[in-house]
Amino acid sequence: MKKTSNKVEEFIRVDHAGERGAVKIYEGQLLALNTVVKNESLKKTIEDMKEHEIEHCQFFENEIKKRNIKPTKFLPLWDLMGIGLGFGSTLLGKKAAMLCTASVEEVIDKHYLDQINQLGPEEKELKKKITKFRQDELDHKDIAYEEGASKKGFYSIMDKIIKTGSKIAIRISEKV
């Protein structure tokens, strides 16, 4: 088994946490949609996007095991925060729920692009997967805007809060 570089270990650790976080955000949104907010078409959209996130999360889960990388110690906190963010954004309505997706995906787009640009030829398979996952995330962002995500008024503040939180979680998860 080849030795994984520290940089690649960080990439896998943070990507695992991020994809798991995305699953938890969608779980929180679906919890709101199944209990408080009734919107069947939004529910279907979120269920479809969640399927991609599960696929991404499973890939990084396998990489963590295969390469013997410790996941971030913050997973339980990220799980709770993801569910809370998903649930809370959905309680605020469809625009807010979709902005949540758009804001996170905009951070992830840049994050994945940075990783793609840093990965060398020895990590060809990982680079290929991250490239595919980045495209899925861009598709989710596009869907979110098609479904009504907005950055006008209050939503611009929400966008900044979600993006700042996502960036902080990324920095922490890379290291711890």
N, C-alpha and C. Protein backbone atom coordinates (compact mmCIF):
# COMPACT_ATOMS: atom_id res chain seq x y z
N MET A 1 0.85 -1.19 0.00
CA MET A 1 0.00 0.00 0.00
C MET A 1 0.89 1.24 0.00
N LYS A 2 0.62 2.15 -0.94
CA LYS A 2 1.46 3.34 -1.03
C LYS A 2 1.12 4.31 0.10
N LYS A 3 2.12 5.07 0.49
CA LYS A 3 1.94 6.07 1.54
C LYS A 3 1.20 7.27 0.96
N THR A 4 0.17 7.67 1.66
CA THR A 4 -0.62 8.83 1.24
C THR A 4 0.06 10.08 1.80
N SER A 5 0.25 11.09 0.95
CA SER A 5 0.87 12.33 1.42
C SER A 5 -0.05 13.04 2.41
N ASN A 6 0.55 13.91 3.24
CA ASN A 6 -0.25 14.66 4.22
C ASN A 6 -1.31 15.51 3.54
N LYS A 7 -0.95 16.11 2.40
CA LYS A 7 -1.89 16.96 1.67
C LYS A 7 -3.09 16.12 1.19
N VAL A 8 -2.81 14.95 0.64
CA VAL A 8 -3.89 14.08 0.15
C VAL A 8 -4.72 13.58 1.33
N GLU A 9 -4.07 13.28 2.45
CA GLU A 9 -4.81 12.89 3.66
C GLU A 9 -5.79 13.99 4.06
N GLU A 10 -5.32 15.24 4.05
CA GLU A 10 -6.19 16.37 4.39
C GLU A 10 -7.35 16.46 3.41
N PHE A 11 -7.06 16.30 2.11
CA PHE A 11 -8.11 16.36 1.09
C PHE A 11 -9.19 15.33 1.38
N ILE A 12 -8.77 14.11 1.64
CA ILE A 12 -9.74 13.03 1.84
C ILE A 12 -10.51 13.25 3.14
N ARG A 13 -9.82 13.65 4.20
CA ARG A 13 -10.48 13.90 5.48
C ARG A 13 -11.55 14.99 5.34
N VAL A 14 -11.18 16.10 4.73
CA VAL A 14 -12.12 17.22 4.62
C VAL A 14 -13.24 16.91 3.62
N ASP A 15 -12.93 16.20 2.55
CA ASP A 15 -13.97 15.86 1.57
C ASP A 15 -14.97 14.88 2.16
N HIS A 16 -14.47 13.96 2.97
CA HIS A 16 -15.36 13.03 3.65
C HIS A 16 -16.30 13.80 4.58
N ALA A 17 -15.74 14.71 5.36
CA ALA A 17 -16.56 15.51 6.29
C ALA A 17 -17.56 16.36 5.51
N GLY A 18 -17.11 16.95 4.41
CA GLY A 18 -17.99 17.81 3.61
C GLY A 18 -19.13 17.07 2.96
N GLU A 19 -18.82 15.93 2.39
CA GLU A 19 -19.88 15.15 1.72
C GLU A 19 -20.85 14.59 2.75
N ARG A 20 -20.32 14.19 3.89
CA ARG A 20 -21.21 13.73 4.95
C ARG A 20 -22.07 14.90 5.44
N GLY A 21 -21.47 16.08 5.54
CA GLY A 21 -22.22 17.27 5.93
C GLY A 21 -23.34 17.57 4.96
N ALA A 22 -23.06 17.41 3.68
CA ALA A 22 -24.09 17.65 2.65
C ALA A 22 -25.26 16.68 2.83
N VAL A 23 -24.93 15.42 3.10
CA VAL A 23 -25.99 14.43 3.35
C VAL A 23 -26.83 14.87 4.54
N LYS A 24 -26.16 15.33 5.60
CA LYS A 24 -26.87 15.75 6.83
C LYS A 24 -27.73 16.99 6.57
N ILE A 25 -27.24 17.94 5.76
CA ILE A 25 -28.05 19.11 5.43
C ILE A 25 -29.33 18.66 4.72
N TYR A 26 -29.18 17.77 3.74
CA TYR A 26 -30.37 17.28 3.03
C TYR A 26 -31.28 16.48 3.96
N GLU A 27 -30.69 15.72 4.89
CA GLU A 27 -31.53 14.99 5.86
C GLU A 27 -32.33 15.97 6.71
N GLY A 28 -31.69 17.08 7.12
CA GLY A 28 -32.40 18.10 7.88
C GLY A 28 -33.52 18.74 7.07
N GLN A 29 -33.23 19.00 5.79
CA GLN A 29 -34.26 19.57 4.93
C GLN A 29 -35.42 18.61 4.76
N LEU A 30 -35.10 17.35 4.56
CA LEU A 30 -36.17 16.35 4.40
C LEU A 30 -36.95 16.16 5.69
N LEU A 31 -36.29 16.27 6.83
CA LEU A 31 -36.99 16.19 8.11
C LEU A 31 -38.03 17.31 8.20
N ALA A 32 -37.63 18.52 7.83
CA ALA A 32 -38.59 19.65 7.84
C ALA A 32 -39.72 19.40 6.84
N LEU A 33 -39.36 18.88 5.67
CA LEU A 33 -40.37 18.65 4.62
C LEU A 33 -41.31 17.51 4.97
N ASN A 34 -40.86 16.58 5.80
CA ASN A 34 -41.72 15.45 6.20
C ASN A 34 -42.54 15.75 7.45
N THR A 35 -42.23 16.84 8.14
CA THR A 35 -42.92 17.11 9.41
C THR A 35 -43.66 18.45 9.43
N VAL A 36 -43.01 19.52 8.99
CA VAL A 36 -43.57 20.86 9.17
C VAL A 36 -43.99 21.48 7.85
N VAL A 37 -43.10 21.46 6.89
CA VAL A 37 -43.30 22.12 5.60
C VAL A 37 -43.75 21.08 4.58
N LYS A 38 -44.81 21.36 3.88
CA LYS A 38 -45.27 20.41 2.85
C LYS A 38 -44.99 20.98 1.47
N ASN A 39 -44.07 20.32 0.76
CA ASN A 39 -43.76 20.72 -0.61
C ASN A 39 -43.17 19.50 -1.30
N GLU A 40 -44.02 18.75 -1.97
CA GLU A 40 -43.61 17.47 -2.57
C GLU A 40 -42.56 17.64 -3.67
N SER A 41 -42.69 18.72 -4.46
CA SER A 41 -41.73 18.88 -5.56
C SER A 41 -40.35 19.23 -5.01
N LEU A 42 -40.29 20.07 -3.97
CA LEU A 42 -39.00 20.39 -3.33
C LEU A 42 -38.41 19.14 -2.69
N LYS A 43 -39.26 18.35 -2.07
CA LYS A 43 -38.82 17.10 -1.44
C LYS A 43 -38.16 16.18 -2.48
N LYS A 44 -38.76 16.06 -3.64
CA LYS A 44 -38.22 15.20 -4.71
C LYS A 44 -36.86 15.74 -5.18
N THR A 45 -36.76 17.05 -5.36
CA THR A 45 -35.51 17.68 -5.79
C THR A 45 -34.40 17.39 -4.78
N ILE A 46 -34.71 17.56 -3.51
CA ILE A 46 -33.71 17.34 -2.45
C ILE A 46 -33.34 15.86 -2.36
N GLU A 47 -34.31 14.98 -2.47
CA GLU A 47 -34.01 13.54 -2.45
C GLU A 47 -33.06 13.17 -3.58
N ASP A 48 -33.27 13.74 -4.76
CA ASP A 48 -32.39 13.44 -5.90
C ASP A 48 -30.96 13.93 -5.64
N MET A 49 -30.82 15.15 -5.12
CA MET A 49 -29.48 15.68 -4.84
C MET A 49 -28.81 14.89 -3.72
N LYS A 50 -29.59 14.48 -2.75
CA LYS A 50 -29.04 13.70 -1.62
C LYS A 50 -28.42 12.39 -2.12
N GLU A 51 -29.01 11.78 -3.14
CA GLU A 51 -28.45 10.54 -3.69
C GLU A 51 -27.01 10.73 -4.17
N HIS A 52 -26.73 11.85 -4.84
CA HIS A 52 -25.36 12.14 -5.28
C HIS A 52 -24.43 12.28 -4.08
N GLU A 53 -24.91 12.99 -3.06
CA GLU A 53 -24.08 13.23 -1.88
C GLU A 53 -23.76 11.92 -1.15
N ILE A 54 -24.72 11.02 -1.14
CA ILE A 54 -24.47 9.70 -0.52
C ILE A 54 -23.39 8.96 -1.29
N GLU A 55 -23.46 9.01 -2.62
CA GLU A 55 -22.43 8.37 -3.46
C GLU A 55 -21.05 8.98 -3.17
N HIS A 56 -20.98 10.30 -3.10
CA HIS A 56 -19.72 10.99 -2.81
C HIS A 56 -19.19 10.59 -1.43
N CYS A 57 -20.09 10.61 -0.45
CA CYS A 57 -19.71 10.29 0.93
C CYS A 57 -19.18 8.86 1.03
N GLN A 58 -19.84 7.93 0.36
CA GLN A 58 -19.40 6.53 0.40
C GLN A 58 -18.01 6.37 -0.21
N PHE A 59 -17.74 7.09 -1.29
CA PHE A 59 -16.41 7.04 -1.91
C PHE A 59 -15.35 7.47 -0.89
N PHE A 60 -15.56 8.62 -0.24
CA PHE A 60 -14.56 9.12 0.71
C PHE A 60 -14.49 8.26 1.96
N GLU A 61 -15.61 7.69 2.37
CA GLU A 61 -15.62 6.74 3.50
C GLU A 61 -14.70 5.56 3.17
N ASN A 62 -14.81 5.05 1.96
CA ASN A 62 -13.94 3.93 1.53
C ASN A 62 -12.48 4.36 1.46
N GLU A 63 -12.22 5.57 0.97
CA GLU A 63 -10.83 6.06 0.90
C GLU A 63 -10.23 6.20 2.29
N ILE A 64 -11.00 6.67 3.24
CA ILE A 64 -10.53 6.82 4.62
C ILE A 64 -10.12 5.45 5.17
N LYS A 65 -10.96 4.45 4.93
CA LYS A 65 -10.65 3.09 5.42
C LYS A 65 -9.46 2.51 4.68
N LYS A 66 -9.48 2.60 3.36
CA LYS A 66 -8.44 2.01 2.52
C LYS A 66 -7.06 2.61 2.84
N ARG A 67 -7.01 3.90 3.08
CA ARG A 67 -5.74 4.59 3.30
C ARG A 67 -5.41 4.78 4.78
N ASN A 68 -6.29 4.28 5.63
CA ASN A 68 -6.08 4.37 7.07
C ASN A 68 -5.91 5.82 7.54
N ILE A 69 -6.86 6.67 7.14
CA ILE A 69 -6.85 8.09 7.50
C ILE A 69 -7.88 8.29 8.60
N LYS A 70 -7.50 9.06 9.60
CA LYS A 70 -8.46 9.36 10.67
C LYS A 70 -9.45 10.43 10.18
N PRO A 71 -10.76 10.17 10.33
CA PRO A 71 -11.73 11.21 9.97
C PRO A 71 -11.62 12.38 10.95
N THR A 72 -12.18 13.51 10.60
CA THR A 72 -12.14 14.65 11.51
C THR A 72 -12.82 14.30 12.83
N LYS A 73 -12.27 14.80 13.90
CA LYS A 73 -12.86 14.58 15.23
C LYS A 73 -14.17 15.35 15.38
N PHE A 74 -14.45 16.25 14.46
CA PHE A 74 -15.62 17.11 14.56
C PHE A 74 -16.86 16.52 13.88
N LEU A 75 -16.78 15.28 13.35
CA LEU A 75 -17.93 14.71 12.64
C LEU A 75 -19.25 14.80 13.43
N PRO A 76 -19.26 14.46 14.72
CA PRO A 76 -20.55 14.55 15.44
C PRO A 76 -21.11 15.97 15.46
N LEU A 77 -20.23 16.96 15.64
CA LEU A 77 -20.68 18.35 15.64
C LEU A 77 -21.16 18.76 14.24
N TRP A 78 -20.39 18.39 13.21
CA TRP A 78 -20.79 18.73 11.84
C TRP A 78 -22.14 18.08 11.51
N ASP A 79 -22.35 16.84 11.98
CA ASP A 79 -23.63 16.16 11.74
C ASP A 79 -24.79 16.99 12.30
N LEU A 80 -24.64 17.39 13.55
CA LEU A 80 -25.70 18.18 14.21
C LEU A 80 -25.92 19.52 13.52
N MET A 81 -24.82 20.18 13.18
CA MET A 81 -24.93 21.48 12.53
C MET A 81 -25.53 21.35 11.13
N GLY A 82 -25.18 20.30 10.41
CA GLY A 82 -25.74 20.07 9.09
C GLY A 82 -27.24 19.84 9.14
N ILE A 83 -27.67 18.99 10.06
CA ILE A 83 -29.10 18.73 10.20
C ILE A 83 -29.82 20.02 10.60
N GLY A 84 -29.23 20.75 11.53
CA GLY A 84 -29.83 22.02 11.97
C GLY A 84 -29.92 23.04 10.85
N LEU A 85 -28.86 23.16 10.06
CA LEU A 85 -28.85 24.10 8.93
C LEU A 85 -29.90 23.71 7.90
N GLY A 86 -29.97 22.42 7.60
CA GLY A 86 -30.96 21.96 6.62
C GLY A 86 -32.39 22.19 7.11
N PHE A 87 -32.63 21.81 8.36
CA PHE A 87 -33.98 21.96 8.93
C PHE A 87 -34.36 23.43 9.00
N GLY A 88 -33.45 24.25 9.55
CA GLY A 88 -33.73 25.68 9.73
C GLY A 88 -33.93 26.41 8.42
N SER A 89 -33.09 26.11 7.44
CA SER A 89 -33.22 26.81 6.15
C SER A 89 -34.55 26.45 5.48
N THR A 90 -34.99 25.23 5.64
CA THR A 90 -36.24 24.79 5.03
C THR A 90 -37.45 25.40 5.73
N LEU A 91 -37.35 25.59 7.05
CA LEU A 91 -38.43 26.26 7.78
C LEU A 91 -38.62 27.69 7.27
N LEU A 92 -37.55 28.30 6.76
CA LEU A 92 -37.62 29.67 6.25
C LEU A 92 -38.24 29.73 4.85
N GLY A 93 -38.45 28.57 4.23
CA GLY A 93 -39.10 28.53 2.92
C GLY A 93 -38.20 27.97 1.83
N LYS A 94 -38.82 27.78 0.68
CA LYS A 94 -38.12 27.16 -0.46
C LYS A 94 -36.91 27.96 -0.90
N LYS A 95 -37.05 29.30 -0.99
CA LYS A 95 -35.92 30.14 -1.40
C LYS A 95 -34.72 29.94 -0.49
N ALA A 96 -34.98 29.92 0.81
CA ALA A 96 -33.89 29.75 1.78
C ALA A 96 -33.29 28.36 1.70
N ALA A 97 -34.13 27.35 1.54
CA ALA A 97 -33.63 25.97 1.43
C ALA A 97 -32.72 25.84 0.20
N MET A 98 -33.16 26.43 -0.91
CA MET A 98 -32.36 26.34 -2.13
C MET A 98 -31.11 27.22 -2.05
N LEU A 99 -31.20 28.35 -1.35
CA LEU A 99 -30.00 29.17 -1.15
C LEU A 99 -28.97 28.41 -0.33
N CYS A 100 -29.43 27.65 0.64
CA CYS A 100 -28.52 26.84 1.44
C CYS A 100 -27.69 25.94 0.53
N THR A 101 -28.35 25.26 -0.40
CA THR A 101 -27.64 24.41 -1.36
C THR A 101 -26.70 25.25 -2.22
N ALA A 102 -27.18 26.33 -2.79
CA ALA A 102 -26.36 27.15 -3.68
C ALA A 102 -25.13 27.69 -2.96
N SER A 103 -25.30 28.19 -1.74
CA SER A 103 -24.18 28.77 -0.99
C SER A 103 -23.11 27.73 -0.68
N VAL A 104 -23.54 26.56 -0.21
CA VAL A 104 -22.58 25.49 0.09
C VAL A 104 -21.87 25.06 -1.19
N GLU A 105 -22.62 24.86 -2.26
CA GLU A 105 -22.02 24.38 -3.51
C GLU A 105 -21.03 25.38 -4.11
N GLU A 106 -21.28 26.67 -3.92
CA GLU A 106 -20.34 27.67 -4.43
C GLU A 106 -19.00 27.58 -3.69
N VAL A 107 -19.04 27.30 -2.39
CA VAL A 107 -17.80 27.11 -1.63
C VAL A 107 -17.12 25.82 -2.08
N ILE A 108 -17.89 24.76 -2.25
CA ILE A 108 -17.33 23.46 -2.62
C ILE A 108 -16.74 23.49 -4.03
N ASP A 109 -17.35 24.22 -4.94
CA ASP A 109 -16.82 24.36 -6.29
C ASP A 109 -15.36 24.84 -6.23
N LYS A 110 -15.12 25.92 -5.53
CA LYS A 110 -13.76 26.48 -5.42
C LYS A 110 -12.84 25.51 -4.67
N HIS A 111 -13.36 24.92 -3.60
CA HIS A 111 -12.60 23.97 -2.78
C HIS A 111 -12.13 22.78 -3.63
N TYR A 112 -13.06 22.17 -4.38
CA TYR A 112 -12.70 21.03 -5.22
C TYR A 112 -11.75 21.45 -6.35
N LEU A 113 -11.98 22.61 -6.93
CA LEU A 113 -11.10 23.08 -8.00
C LEU A 113 -9.67 23.26 -7.49
N ASP A 114 -9.52 23.81 -6.28
CA ASP A 114 -8.19 23.94 -5.67
C ASP A 114 -7.53 22.57 -5.53
N GLN A 115 -8.29 21.59 -5.08
CA GLN A 115 -7.74 20.23 -4.91
C GLN A 115 -7.35 19.63 -6.26
N ILE A 116 -8.22 19.76 -7.24
CA ILE A 116 -7.95 19.21 -8.58
C ILE A 116 -6.64 19.78 -9.11
N ASN A 117 -6.43 21.08 -8.90
CA ASN A 117 -5.21 21.74 -9.39
C ASN A 117 -3.96 21.32 -8.63
N GLN A 118 -4.12 20.80 -7.43
CA GLN A 118 -2.96 20.39 -6.63
C GLN A 118 -2.62 18.90 -6.75
N LEU A 119 -3.58 18.09 -7.15
CA LEU A 119 -3.33 16.64 -7.22
C LEU A 119 -2.44 16.31 -8.41
N GLY A 120 -1.44 15.48 -8.13
CA GLY A 120 -0.50 15.08 -9.17
C GLY A 120 -0.92 13.79 -9.87
N PRO A 121 -0.11 13.35 -10.83
CA PRO A 121 -0.44 12.16 -11.62
C PRO A 121 -0.52 10.87 -10.80
N GLU A 122 0.14 10.86 -9.64
CA GLU A 122 0.09 9.66 -8.79
C GLU A 122 -1.29 9.47 -8.14
N GLU A 123 -2.13 10.49 -8.21
CA GLU A 123 -3.48 10.41 -7.64
C GLU A 123 -4.54 10.60 -8.74
N LYS A 124 -4.28 9.94 -9.88
CA LYS A 124 -5.15 10.08 -11.05
C LYS A 124 -6.61 9.71 -10.75
N GLU A 125 -6.82 8.59 -10.05
CA GLU A 125 -8.19 8.13 -9.76
C GLU A 125 -8.92 9.10 -8.83
N LEU A 126 -8.21 9.55 -7.79
CA LEU A 126 -8.81 10.50 -6.85
C LEU A 126 -9.18 11.79 -7.57
N LYS A 127 -8.29 12.27 -8.42
CA LYS A 127 -8.53 13.50 -9.18
C LYS A 127 -9.76 13.34 -10.08
N LYS A 128 -9.88 12.17 -10.71
CA LYS A 128 -11.02 11.89 -11.59
C LYS A 128 -12.34 11.92 -10.80
N LYS A 129 -12.33 11.32 -9.61
CA LYS A 129 -13.54 11.29 -8.77
C LYS A 129 -13.90 12.70 -8.30
N ILE A 130 -12.92 13.45 -7.84
CA ILE A 130 -13.19 14.80 -7.35
C ILE A 130 -13.71 15.67 -8.50
N THR A 131 -13.18 15.48 -9.69
CA THR A 131 -13.65 16.22 -10.86
C THR A 131 -15.12 15.90 -11.15
N LYS A 132 -15.48 14.63 -11.07
CA LYS A 132 -16.88 14.21 -11.29
C LYS A 132 -17.78 14.78 -10.19
N PHE A 133 -17.31 14.67 -8.94
CA PHE A 133 -18.12 15.17 -7.83
C PHE A 133 -18.31 16.68 -7.93
N ARG A 134 -17.27 17.39 -8.37
CA ARG A 134 -17.37 18.84 -8.54
C ARG A 134 -18.48 19.16 -9.55
N GLN A 135 -18.53 18.40 -10.63
CA GLN A 135 -19.58 18.63 -11.63
C GLN A 135 -20.96 18.38 -11.04
N ASP A 136 -21.10 17.33 -10.22
CA ASP A 136 -22.38 17.08 -9.55
C ASP A 136 -22.77 18.28 -8.69
N GLU A 137 -21.79 18.83 -7.97
CA GLU A 137 -22.06 19.97 -7.08
C GLU A 137 -22.48 21.20 -7.90
N LEU A 138 -21.81 21.42 -9.04
CA LEU A 138 -22.20 22.53 -9.91
C LEU A 138 -23.62 22.34 -10.43
N ASP A 139 -23.98 21.10 -10.73
CA ASP A 139 -25.35 20.80 -11.17
C ASP A 139 -26.35 21.13 -10.05
N HIS A 140 -25.99 20.78 -8.81
CA HIS A 140 -26.87 21.08 -7.67
C HIS A 140 -27.04 22.59 -7.51
N LYS A 141 -25.95 23.33 -7.67
CA LYS A 141 -26.03 24.80 -7.58
C LYS A 141 -26.99 25.34 -8.63
N ASP A 142 -26.86 24.84 -9.87
CA ASP A 142 -27.74 25.29 -10.95
C ASP A 142 -29.20 24.97 -10.64
N ILE A 143 -29.44 23.78 -10.13
CA ILE A 143 -30.81 23.37 -9.76
C ILE A 143 -31.35 24.32 -8.69
N ALA A 144 -30.50 24.63 -7.70
CA ALA A 144 -30.94 25.51 -6.60
C ALA A 144 -31.39 26.87 -7.14
N TYR A 145 -30.63 27.43 -8.07
CA TYR A 145 -31.03 28.73 -8.64
C TYR A 145 -32.28 28.59 -9.51
N GLU A 146 -32.39 27.50 -10.25
CA GLU A 146 -33.60 27.26 -11.04
C GLU A 146 -34.83 27.14 -10.14
N GLU A 147 -34.61 26.61 -8.94
CA GLU A 147 -35.71 26.39 -7.99
C GLU A 147 -35.99 27.60 -7.11
N GLY A 148 -35.28 28.70 -7.34
CA GLY A 148 -35.64 29.93 -6.64
C GLY A 148 -34.64 30.50 -5.64
N ALA A 149 -33.45 29.91 -5.52
CA ALA A 149 -32.45 30.48 -4.61
C ALA A 149 -32.22 31.94 -4.99
N SER A 150 -32.08 32.77 -3.97
CA SER A 150 -31.90 34.20 -4.19
C SER A 150 -30.89 34.74 -3.18
N LYS A 151 -30.17 35.79 -3.57
CA LYS A 151 -29.25 36.45 -2.65
C LYS A 151 -29.70 37.88 -2.38
N LYS A 152 -30.95 38.17 -2.62
CA LYS A 152 -31.48 39.52 -2.42
C LYS A 152 -31.90 39.71 -0.96
N GLY A 153 -31.69 40.91 -0.45
CA GLY A 153 -32.15 41.25 0.90
C GLY A 153 -31.56 40.36 1.97
N PHE A 154 -32.43 39.85 2.83
CA PHE A 154 -32.04 38.97 3.93
C PHE A 154 -31.20 37.79 3.45
N TYR A 155 -31.50 37.30 2.27
CA TYR A 155 -30.82 36.12 1.75
C TYR A 155 -29.33 36.37 1.52
N SER A 156 -28.94 37.63 1.30
CA SER A 156 -27.51 37.91 1.11
C SER A 156 -26.77 37.69 2.43
N ILE A 157 -27.42 37.99 3.54
CA ILE A 157 -26.82 37.76 4.86
C ILE A 157 -26.73 36.26 5.12
N MET A 158 -27.80 35.56 4.82
CA MET A 158 -27.82 34.10 4.99
C MET A 158 -26.72 33.45 4.15
N ASP A 159 -26.54 33.92 2.91
CA ASP A 159 -25.50 33.40 2.02
C ASP A 159 -24.12 33.57 2.68
N LYS A 160 -23.84 34.74 3.20
CA LYS A 160 -22.53 35.01 3.83
C LYS A 160 -22.32 34.13 5.06
N ILE A 161 -23.35 33.96 5.86
CA ILE A 161 -23.25 33.12 7.07
C ILE A 161 -22.95 31.67 6.69
N ILE A 162 -23.69 31.14 5.73
CA ILE A 162 -23.50 29.75 5.30
C ILE A 162 -22.12 29.56 4.70
N LYS A 163 -21.69 30.49 3.85
CA LYS A 163 -20.36 30.37 3.23
C LYS A 163 -19.25 30.47 4.26
N THR A 164 -19.38 31.39 5.20
CA THR A 164 -18.36 31.52 6.25
C THR A 164 -18.29 30.26 7.10
N GLY A 165 -19.44 29.75 7.49
CA GLY A 165 -19.48 28.51 8.27
C GLY A 165 -18.87 27.35 7.52
N SER A 166 -19.16 27.25 6.23
CA SER A 166 -18.61 26.17 5.40
C SER A 166 -17.09 26.27 5.32
N LYS A 167 -16.58 27.48 5.13
CA LYS A 167 -15.13 27.68 5.03
C LYS A 167 -14.43 27.35 6.34
N ILE A 168 -15.04 27.73 7.46
CA ILE A 168 -14.47 27.41 8.78
C ILE A 168 -14.45 25.89 8.97
N ALA A 169 -15.55 25.22 8.64
CA ALA A 169 -15.61 23.77 8.78
C ALA A 169 -14.55 23.08 7.92
N ILE A 170 -14.32 23.61 6.72
CA ILE A 170 -13.29 23.05 5.84
C ILE A 170 -11.93 23.18 6.49
N ARG A 171 -11.57 24.37 6.96
CA ARG A 171 -10.25 24.58 7.56
C ARG A 171 -10.03 23.68 8.77
N ILE A 172 -11.02 23.58 9.62
CA ILE A 172 -10.91 22.74 10.82
C ILE A 172 -10.77 21.27 10.43
N SER A 173 -11.62 20.83 9.51
CA SER A 173 -11.65 19.40 9.14
C SER A 173 -10.38 18.96 8.42
N GLU A 174 -9.71 19.86 7.73
CA GLU A 174 -8.44 19.50 7.09
C GLU A 174 -7.41 19.08 8.13
N LYS A 175 -7.42 19.76 9.28
CA LYS A 175 -6.35 19.60 10.27
C LYS A 175 -6.68 18.67 11.43
N VAL A 176 -7.95 18.64 11.84
CA VAL A 176 -8.30 17.94 13.09
C VAL A 176 -9.27 16.81 12.81
